[in-house]
Amino acid sequence: MWTIIIILVVLWLLGFFGPRFSSSFPKTGNLVHALIVIAVILLILRLLGVL
Protein backbone atom coordinates (compact mmCIF):
# COMPACT_ATOMS: atom_id res chain seq x y z
CA MET A 1 0.00 0.00 0.00
CA TRP A 2 2.77 2.44 0.94
CA THR A 3 4.63 1.65 -2.26
CA ILE A 4 1.62 2.55 -4.38
CA ILE A 5 1.12 5.81 -2.48
CA ILE A 6 4.78 6.79 -2.88
CA ILE A 7 4.76 5.96 -6.61
CA LEU A 8 1.61 8.04 -7.14
CA VAL A 9 3.09 11.00 -5.27
CA VAL A 10 6.31 10.84 -7.30
CA LEU A 11 4.36 10.63 -10.56
CA TRP A 12 2.22 13.57 -9.49
CA LEU A 13 5.31 15.64 -8.70
CA LEU A 14 6.86 14.72 -12.05
CA GLY A 15 3.67 15.63 -13.87
CA PHE A 16 3.42 18.93 -12.02
CA PHE A 17 7.04 20.08 -12.17
CA GLY A 18 8.38 18.05 -15.11
CA PRO A 19 7.29 20.33 -17.99
CA ARG A 20 8.96 23.30 -16.28
CA PHE A 21 12.37 21.63 -16.49
CA SER A 22 12.08 20.00 -19.90
CA SER A 23 9.73 20.86 -22.74
CA SER A 24 9.90 17.28 -24.02
CA PHE A 25 8.45 15.93 -20.75
CA PRO A 26 4.86 14.77 -21.38
CA LYS A 27 2.03 16.71 -19.81
CA THR A 28 -0.14 14.26 -17.92
CA GLY A 29 -3.10 16.51 -17.24
CA ASN A 30 -5.87 15.69 -14.83
CA LEU A 31 -5.20 11.96 -14.64
CA VAL A 32 -2.30 12.29 -12.23
CA HIS A 33 -4.24 14.74 -10.08
CA ALA A 34 -7.08 12.24 -9.82
CA LEU A 35 -4.57 9.55 -8.87
CA ILE A 36 -3.07 11.72 -6.14
CA VAL A 37 -6.52 12.30 -4.67
CA ILE A 38 -7.03 8.53 -4.59
CA ALA A 39 -3.61 8.10 -2.97
CA VAL A 40 -4.42 10.66 -0.27
CA ILE A 41 -7.75 8.98 0.45
CA LEU A 42 -6.01 5.60 0.71
CA LEU A 43 -3.39 7.09 3.02
CA ILE A 44 -6.04 8.58 5.31
CA LEU A 45 -7.99 5.32 5.41
CA ARG A 46 -4.76 3.43 6.13
CA LEU A 47 -3.86 5.78 8.98
CA LEU A 48 -7.36 5.49 10.45
CA GLY A 49 -7.08 1.72 10.38
CA VAL A 50 -10.01 1.12 8.06
CA LEU A 51 -7.89 -0.78 5.52
C-alpha atoms as a PDB file:
ATOM      1  CA  MET A   1       0.000   0.000   0.000  1.00  0.00           C
ATOM      2  CA  TRP A   2       2.773   2.439   0.941  1.00  0.00           C
ATOM      3  CA  THR A   3       4.634   1.646  -2.261  1.00  0.00           C
ATOM      4  CA  ILE A   4       1.616   2.553  -4.379  1.00  0.00           C
ATOM      5  CA  ILE A   5       1.123   5.805  -2.481  1.00  0.00           C
ATOM      6  CA  ILE A   6       4.780   6.786  -2.878  1.00  0.00           C
ATOM      7  CA  ILE A   7       4.758   5.962  -6.607  1.00  0.00           C
ATOM      8  CA  LEU A   8       1.613   8.038  -7.144  1.00  0.00           C
ATOM      9  CA  VAL A   9       3.086  11.003  -5.270  1.00  0.00           C
ATOM     10  CA  VAL A  10       6.307  10.836  -7.299  1.00  0.00           C
ATOM     11  CA  LEU A  11       4.356  10.631 -10.565  1.00  0.00           C
ATOM     12  CA  TRP A  12       2.223  13.570  -9.490  1.00  0.00           C
ATOM     13  CA  LEU A  13       5.305  15.644  -8.702  1.00  0.00           C
ATOM     14  CA  LEU A  14       6.863  14.721 -12.049  1.00  0.00           C
ATOM     15  CA  GLY A  15       3.673  15.628 -13.869  1.00  0.00           C
ATOM     16  CA  PHE A  16       3.421  18.925 -12.023  1.00  0.00           C
ATOM     17  CA  PHE A  17       7.043  20.078 -12.166  1.00  0.00           C
ATOM     18  CA  GLY A  18       8.384  18.049 -15.113  1.00  0.00           C
ATOM     19  CA  PRO A  19       7.294  20.335 -17.991  1.00  0.00           C
ATOM     20  CA  ARG A  20       8.957  23.300 -16.280  1.00  0.00           C
ATOM     21  CA  PHE A  21      12.367  21.627 -16.490  1.00  0.00           C
ATOM     22  CA  SER A  22      12.078  19.996 -19.904  1.00  0.00           C
ATOM     23  CA  SER A  23       9.728  20.861 -22.744  1.00  0.00           C
ATOM     24  CA  SER A  24       9.897  17.283 -24.019  1.00  0.00           C
ATOM     25  CA  PHE A  25       8.449  15.934 -20.752  1.00  0.00           C
ATOM     26  CA  PRO A  26       4.862  14.771 -21.376  1.00  0.00           C
ATOM     27  CA  LYS A  27       2.031  16.709 -19.814  1.00  0.00           C
ATOM     28  CA  THR A  28      -0.137  14.256 -17.918  1.00  0.00           C
ATOM     29  CA  GLY A  29      -3.102  16.510 -17.241  1.00  0.00           C
ATOM     30  CA  ASN A  30      -5.867  15.688 -14.826  1.00  0.00           C
ATOM     31  CA  LEU A  31      -5.197  11.959 -14.640  1.00  0.00           C
ATOM     32  CA  VAL A  32      -2.299  12.287 -12.228  1.00  0.00           C
ATOM     33  CA  HIS A  33      -4.236  14.744 -10.083  1.00  0.00           C
ATOM     34  CA  ALA A  34      -7.079  12.242  -9.821  1.00  0.00           C
ATOM     35  CA  LEU A  35      -4.572   9.548  -8.870  1.00  0.00           C
ATOM     36  CA  ILE A  36      -3.071  11.716  -6.136  1.00  0.00           C
ATOM     37  CA  VAL A  37      -6.523  12.303  -4.666  1.00  0.00           C
ATOM     38  CA  ILE A  38      -7.035   8.534  -4.589  1.00  0.00           C
ATOM     39  CA  ALA A  39      -3.613   8.101  -2.973  1.00  0.00           C
ATOM     40  CA  VAL A  40      -4.422  10.665  -0.271  1.00  0.00           C
ATOM     41  CA  ILE A  41      -7.746   8.981   0.448  1.00  0.00           C
ATOM     42  CA  LEU A  42      -6.008   5.598   0.712  1.00  0.00           C
ATOM     43  CA  LEU A  43      -3.390   7.094   3.022  1.00  0.00           C
ATOM     44  CA  ILE A  44      -6.041   8.583   5.311  1.00  0.00           C
ATOM     45  CA  LEU A  45      -7.992   5.320   5.407  1.00  0.00           C
ATOM     46  CA  ARG A  46      -4.764   3.428   6.135  1.00  0.00           C
ATOM     47  CA  LEU A  47      -3.857   5.780   8.985  1.00  0.00           C
ATOM     48  CA  LEU A  48      -7.359   5.486  10.455  1.00  0.00           C
ATOM     49  CA  GLY A  49      -7.076   1.720  10.377  1.00  0.00           C
ATOM     50  CA  VAL A  50     -10.012   1.118   8.061  1.00  0.00           C
ATOM     51  CA  LEU A  51      -7.887  -0.781   5.521  1.00  0.00           C
END
